[in-house]
């Protein structure tokens, strides 16, 4: 029987990013069950977008903190509500960049079968800036193709074992069977995943990535001149990626086995002015903005 996929997007006061993220899910994974878990947004545009999603939007009830709230409370609530075999955890500043076809589902099933203890699968492209870490932590394995930390690293080198990211695909049955409960921090969840499941395999042909040059603030006052300049330059709009073409996907899948899926090598920003290597704070899009922001913060000139 073909496995089923739920996709959970975690949202807070980023209407343009959330809109792009949702559009990418509907474009590339139309058969997935989509839910957006909002953490109490108060921005009018975000609220209007959530209204347009109908029952796909799951609102935080301020008076019921027992259910969900905060990223990890929402992730747990998404897991508790999951109906599919697998659950992809996404954040609102991300995009799915290519179609999740029946072939992709079959390939993922083969990876799960090859790792019967695993409960998380990494679906993201790799940041060029973190390539050294991946080279240190994972090795390529074939039949099925995937990257994974060799089991021999446990327990001697636990800190170099890839076991968990906040953005991952979870195996719902295995997580529930293990009694998984999200802890309040990525490092804590990483340790828990190492104890319960061991290494997390990574897809060789990833599906998703973060939009670069994301603003510091979520509809709040930019508190330095540098953040105000960065916001004006980018007009607060997402600088996401164009969907991968069929030819680009074919090239990704036919590259040399074991070559790393680096985002900068495969993804095309819709805005050609986006800096490479990609950066993930808007003031870091230009060196002088970053230096100005650091100086303002250091000498207390922000307001």
Protein backbone atom coordinates (compact mmCIF):
# COMPACT_ATOMS: atom_id res chain seq x y z
CA UNK A 1 0.00 0.00 0.00
CA UNK A 2 1.30 3.48 -0.88
CA UNK A 3 2.39 5.43 2.23
CA UNK A 4 0.59 8.67 3.03
CA UNK A 5 2.14 12.02 3.95
CA UNK A 6 1.02 14.80 6.27
CA UNK A 7 2.74 18.19 6.10
CA UNK A 8 2.73 20.51 9.12
CA UNK A 9 3.81 24.13 8.70
CA UNK A 10 4.58 26.20 11.82
CA UNK A 11 3.60 29.84 11.55
CA UNK A 12 3.94 33.12 13.40
CA UNK A 13 3.48 36.61 11.89
CA UNK A 14 5.16 36.05 8.53
CA UNK A 15 2.28 36.30 6.03
CA UNK A 16 4.34 36.58 2.85
CA UNK A 17 6.65 33.74 3.80
CA UNK A 18 3.75 31.60 4.96
CA UNK A 19 1.88 32.28 1.73
CA UNK A 20 4.88 31.17 -0.33
CA UNK A 21 5.38 28.09 1.84
CA UNK A 22 1.73 27.03 1.56
CA UNK A 23 1.74 27.67 -2.20
CA UNK A 24 4.81 25.46 -2.57
CA UNK A 25 3.14 22.63 -0.65
CA UNK A 26 -0.02 22.84 -2.73
CA UNK A 27 2.04 22.97 -5.94
CA UNK A 28 4.47 20.18 -5.21
CA UNK A 29 2.58 17.93 -2.77
CA UNK A 30 -1.12 18.25 -3.67
CA UNK A 31 -1.98 14.81 -2.29
CA UNK A 32 -0.49 15.51 1.15
CA UNK A 33 -2.67 16.45 4.10
CA UNK A 34 -1.60 20.02 4.92
CA UNK A 35 -2.07 21.72 8.29
CA UNK A 36 -0.71 25.11 9.37
CA UNK A 37 -0.11 25.41 13.11
CA UNK A 38 -0.16 29.08 14.04
CA UNK A 39 1.32 30.21 17.34
CA UNK A 40 -0.99 33.13 18.09
CA UNK A 41 -0.19 35.52 15.24
CA UNK A 42 -1.64 39.03 15.59
CA UNK A 43 -0.62 40.47 12.21
CA UNK A 44 -3.76 41.24 10.14
CA UNK A 45 -2.33 39.81 6.89
CA UNK A 46 -1.37 36.58 8.64
CA UNK A 47 -4.82 36.31 10.19
CA UNK A 48 -6.47 36.86 6.81
CA UNK A 49 -4.29 34.16 5.24
CA UNK A 50 -5.14 31.74 8.03
CA UNK A 51 -8.83 32.48 7.52
CA UNK A 52 -8.45 31.64 3.82
CA UNK A 53 -7.02 28.23 4.71
CA UNK A 54 -10.16 27.11 6.49
CA UNK A 55 -9.72 23.86 8.42
CA UNK A 56 -6.11 23.62 7.22
CA UNK A 57 -5.26 26.31 9.79
CA UNK A 58 -4.92 25.17 13.41
CA UNK A 59 -5.03 28.16 15.75
CA UNK A 60 -3.48 28.31 19.18
CA UNK A 61 -6.13 28.81 21.85
CA UNK A 62 -4.56 31.28 24.34
CA UNK A 63 -6.67 29.84 27.13
CA UNK A 64 -5.65 26.23 26.53
CA UNK A 65 -1.90 25.97 27.04
CA UNK A 66 -2.21 22.24 27.72
CA UNK A 67 -2.61 21.48 24.00
CA UNK A 68 0.01 23.43 22.12
CA UNK A 69 2.01 26.64 21.94
CA UNK A 70 5.55 27.48 20.96
CA UNK A 71 7.34 25.57 18.22
CA UNK A 72 7.76 22.30 20.10
CA UNK A 73 4.29 22.31 21.60
CA UNK A 74 2.92 22.79 18.11
CA UNK A 75 5.15 20.04 16.72
CA UNK A 76 3.84 17.67 19.37
CA UNK A 77 0.27 18.67 18.62
CA UNK A 78 0.90 18.04 14.91
CA UNK A 79 2.26 14.58 15.71
CA UNK A 80 -0.71 13.85 17.96
CA UNK A 81 -3.09 14.88 15.16
CA UNK A 82 -1.23 13.16 12.30
CA UNK A 83 -3.26 10.84 10.10
CA UNK A 84 -0.59 9.89 7.56
CA UNK A 85 2.21 7.35 7.78
CA UNK A 86 4.82 10.10 7.66
CA UNK A 87 4.77 13.70 8.87
CA UNK A 88 6.92 16.45 7.35
CA UNK A 89 7.70 19.29 9.75
CA UNK A 90 8.20 22.62 7.94
CA UNK A 91 8.61 26.21 9.08
CA UNK A 92 6.93 29.19 7.48
CA UNK A 93 10.16 30.56 5.92
CA UNK A 94 10.70 27.39 3.88
CA UNK A 95 9.62 26.11 0.48
CA UNK A 96 9.18 22.70 -1.07
CA UNK A 97 11.16 23.14 -4.28
CA UNK A 98 10.16 20.12 -6.40
CA UNK A 99 7.34 17.64 -6.84
CA UNK A 100 6.88 14.89 -4.26
CA UNK A 101 5.90 12.15 -6.69
CA UNK A 102 5.08 8.48 -6.20
CA UNK A 103 8.73 7.80 -7.04
CA UNK A 104 9.88 10.04 -4.18
CA UNK A 105 7.54 8.21 -1.80
CA UNK A 106 8.92 4.86 -2.94
CA UNK A 107 12.49 6.08 -2.49
CA UNK A 108 11.71 7.30 1.03
CA UNK A 109 10.05 3.99 1.89
CA UNK A 110 13.23 2.17 0.82
CA UNK A 111 15.30 4.37 3.14
CA UNK A 112 12.94 3.69 6.05
CA UNK A 113 13.16 -0.05 5.34
CA UNK A 114 16.97 0.14 5.34
CA UNK A 115 16.88 1.86 8.75
CA UNK A 116 14.24 0.08 10.83
CA UNK A 117 15.32 1.93 14.00
CA UNK A 118 15.16 5.40 12.45
CA UNK A 119 12.19 7.69 13.12
CA UNK A 120 13.42 10.87 11.41
CA UNK A 121 14.50 11.43 7.81
CA UNK A 122 16.27 14.61 6.66
CA UNK A 123 14.60 16.11 3.52
CA UNK A 124 16.52 19.40 3.24
CA UNK A 125 19.30 20.59 0.96
CA UNK A 126 22.56 21.34 2.74
CA UNK A 127 23.87 24.83 3.40
CA UNK A 128 27.23 25.44 1.80
CA UNK A 129 28.35 27.14 5.01
CA UNK A 130 27.77 23.87 6.94
CA UNK A 131 29.41 21.52 4.48
CA UNK A 132 32.31 20.79 6.83
CA UNK A 133 29.87 19.53 9.44
CA UNK A 134 28.16 17.16 7.03
CA UNK A 135 31.44 15.83 5.73
CA UNK A 136 32.38 15.04 9.31
CA UNK A 137 29.07 13.51 10.32
CA UNK A 138 27.74 11.46 7.40
CA UNK A 139 28.79 9.00 4.76
CA UNK A 140 27.08 7.94 1.55
CA UNK A 141 25.37 4.56 1.35
CA UNK A 142 23.86 2.98 -1.75
CA UNK A 143 20.92 0.62 -2.38
CA UNK A 144 19.01 2.66 -1.38
CA UNK A 145 20.97 5.88 -1.83
CA UNK A 146 21.15 8.02 1.32
CA UNK A 147 23.59 9.74 3.64
CA UNK A 148 23.87 8.53 7.23
CA UNK A 149 26.18 8.57 10.22
CA UNK A 150 27.83 5.15 10.56
CA UNK A 151 26.38 3.24 13.51
CA UNK A 152 29.90 2.65 14.85
CA UNK A 153 30.03 6.26 16.00
CA UNK A 154 27.62 5.49 18.80
CA UNK A 155 28.15 6.00 21.65
CA UNK A 156 31.79 7.11 21.42
CA UNK A 157 31.18 10.19 19.26
CA UNK A 158 27.58 11.10 20.00
CA UNK A 159 28.04 14.77 19.15
CA UNK A 160 28.95 13.93 15.56
CA UNK A 161 25.90 11.74 15.00
CA UNK A 162 23.24 13.24 12.76
CA UNK A 163 20.03 12.29 14.57
CA UNK A 164 17.45 15.09 14.45
CA UNK A 165 16.58 18.47 12.92
CA UNK A 166 13.53 20.61 13.69
CA UNK A 167 12.84 20.30 9.94
CA UNK A 168 12.49 16.60 9.18
CA UNK A 169 10.09 13.89 8.08
CA UNK A 170 8.92 11.83 11.02
CA UNK A 171 7.80 8.21 10.87
CA UNK A 172 4.54 8.54 12.77
CA UNK A 173 4.20 4.90 13.81
CA UNK A 174 7.75 4.64 15.13
CA UNK A 175 7.55 7.94 17.00
CA UNK A 176 4.32 6.94 18.69
CA UNK A 177 5.57 3.46 19.50
CA UNK A 178 8.60 4.99 21.23
CA UNK A 179 6.45 7.41 23.21
CA UNK A 180 8.20 10.38 21.62
CA UNK A 181 7.49 13.77 23.22
CA UNK A 182 9.14 16.90 21.82
CA UNK A 183 11.42 18.64 24.30
CA UNK A 184 11.89 22.41 24.33
CA UNK A 185 14.99 22.77 22.21
CA UNK A 186 16.70 21.29 19.15
CA UNK A 187 19.73 20.13 21.16
CA UNK A 188 17.52 18.33 23.68
CA UNK A 189 15.53 16.65 20.92
CA UNK A 190 18.76 15.66 19.19
CA UNK A 191 19.96 13.86 22.33
CA UNK A 192 16.60 12.17 22.81
CA UNK A 193 16.60 11.00 19.18
CA UNK A 194 20.12 9.58 19.56
CA UNK A 195 19.01 7.60 22.58
CA UNK A 196 15.78 6.29 21.07
CA UNK A 197 16.57 5.88 17.38
CA UNK A 198 20.24 6.36 16.61
CA UNK A 199 21.36 8.05 13.36
CA UNK A 200 18.96 9.90 11.07
CA UNK A 201 19.39 9.17 7.34
CA UNK A 202 19.37 12.09 4.90
CA UNK A 203 17.74 12.07 1.47
CA UNK A 204 20.25 12.23 -1.40
CA UNK A 205 17.78 14.21 -3.52
CA UNK A 206 16.23 16.69 -1.09
CA UNK A 207 12.84 18.33 -1.29
CA UNK A 208 12.92 21.56 0.70
CA UNK A 209 15.01 24.48 1.88
CA UNK A 210 14.94 27.78 3.79
CA UNK A 211 14.37 31.11 2.05
CA UNK A 212 17.52 33.24 2.42
CA UNK A 213 17.86 36.75 3.89
CA UNK A 214 14.88 36.40 6.24
CA UNK A 215 14.13 39.57 8.28
CA UNK A 216 15.19 39.64 11.91
CA UNK A 217 11.79 40.64 13.18
CA UNK A 218 8.29 39.29 12.75
CA UNK A 219 6.17 42.43 12.21
CA UNK A 220 7.82 44.24 15.06
CA UNK A 221 9.94 47.38 15.13
CA UNK A 222 13.35 47.02 13.50
CA UNK A 223 15.55 48.25 16.35
CA UNK A 224 18.72 49.24 14.49
CA UNK A 225 19.40 51.38 11.45
CA UNK A 226 20.92 48.30 9.79
CA UNK A 227 17.75 46.23 10.19
CA UNK A 228 15.64 49.13 8.89
CA UNK A 229 17.88 49.48 5.83
CA UNK A 230 17.82 45.73 5.20
CA UNK A 231 14.03 45.69 5.51
CA UNK A 232 13.70 48.59 3.06
CA UNK A 233 16.10 47.02 0.57
CA UNK A 234 14.17 43.78 0.60
CA UNK A 235 10.79 45.46 1.17
CA UNK A 236 10.07 42.71 3.70
CA UNK A 237 9.28 40.23 0.94
CA UNK A 238 10.47 36.63 0.71
CA UNK A 239 13.49 35.94 -1.43
CA UNK A 240 12.61 32.38 -2.20
CA UNK A 241 13.42 29.94 -4.97
CA UNK A 242 11.95 29.17 -8.35
CA UNK A 243 10.55 25.62 -8.55
CA UNK A 244 13.05 23.13 -9.89
CA UNK A 245 12.43 22.18 -13.51
CA UNK A 246 12.20 18.60 -14.73
CA UNK A 247 15.68 18.93 -16.22
CA UNK A 248 17.09 20.25 -12.94
CA UNK A 249 15.54 17.39 -10.98
CA UNK A 250 16.91 14.88 -13.49
CA UNK A 251 20.38 16.42 -13.14
CA UNK A 252 20.12 16.29 -9.34
CA UNK A 253 19.26 12.60 -9.46
CA UNK A 254 21.89 11.68 -12.04
CA UNK A 255 24.84 13.43 -10.40
CA UNK A 256 27.79 11.38 -9.18
CA UNK A 257 26.78 9.07 -6.30
CA UNK A 258 27.83 10.48 -2.97
CA UNK A 259 28.19 14.09 -4.11
CA UNK A 260 26.62 16.41 -1.59
CA UNK A 261 23.25 18.10 -2.28
CA UNK A 262 24.38 21.67 -1.61
CA UNK A 263 21.60 24.24 -1.90
CA UNK A 264 23.76 26.81 -3.65
CA UNK A 265 24.56 24.26 -6.37
CA UNK A 266 20.96 23.33 -7.16
CA UNK A 267 18.51 26.06 -6.15
CA UNK A 268 17.83 29.27 -8.09
CA UNK A 269 16.66 32.33 -6.13
CA UNK A 270 13.80 34.20 -7.77
CA UNK A 271 15.72 37.41 -7.02
CA UNK A 272 19.15 37.30 -8.72
CA UNK A 273 20.56 39.80 -6.20
CA UNK A 274 20.43 37.21 -3.40
CA UNK A 275 23.89 36.76 -1.93
CA UNK A 276 25.81 33.49 -2.27
CA UNK A 277 26.56 31.56 -0.14
CA UNK A 278 23.02 32.06 1.10
CA UNK A 279 22.63 33.90 4.40
CA UNK A 280 19.77 33.65 6.87
CA UNK A 281 19.54 37.05 8.49
CA UNK A 282 18.72 40.06 6.36
CA UNK A 283 21.54 42.22 7.74
CA UNK A 284 24.01 39.53 6.65
CA UNK A 285 23.03 40.02 3.02
CA UNK A 286 25.74 42.68 2.83
CA UNK A 287 28.94 42.80 4.86
CA UNK A 288 28.60 46.51 5.64
CA UNK A 289 25.05 46.01 6.97
CA UNK A 290 26.22 43.23 9.24
CA UNK A 291 29.07 45.39 10.59
CA UNK A 292 26.70 48.34 11.13
CA UNK A 293 24.24 46.16 13.02
CA UNK A 294 26.99 44.71 15.19
CA UNK A 295 28.32 48.17 15.99
CA UNK A 296 24.87 49.53 16.85
CA UNK A 297 24.19 46.55 19.09
CA UNK A 298 27.58 46.75 20.78
CA UNK A 299 27.46 50.48 21.48
CA UNK A 300 23.80 50.64 22.35
CA UNK A 301 22.67 52.91 19.52
CA UNK A 302 19.57 50.85 18.67
CA UNK A 303 16.14 52.24 19.43
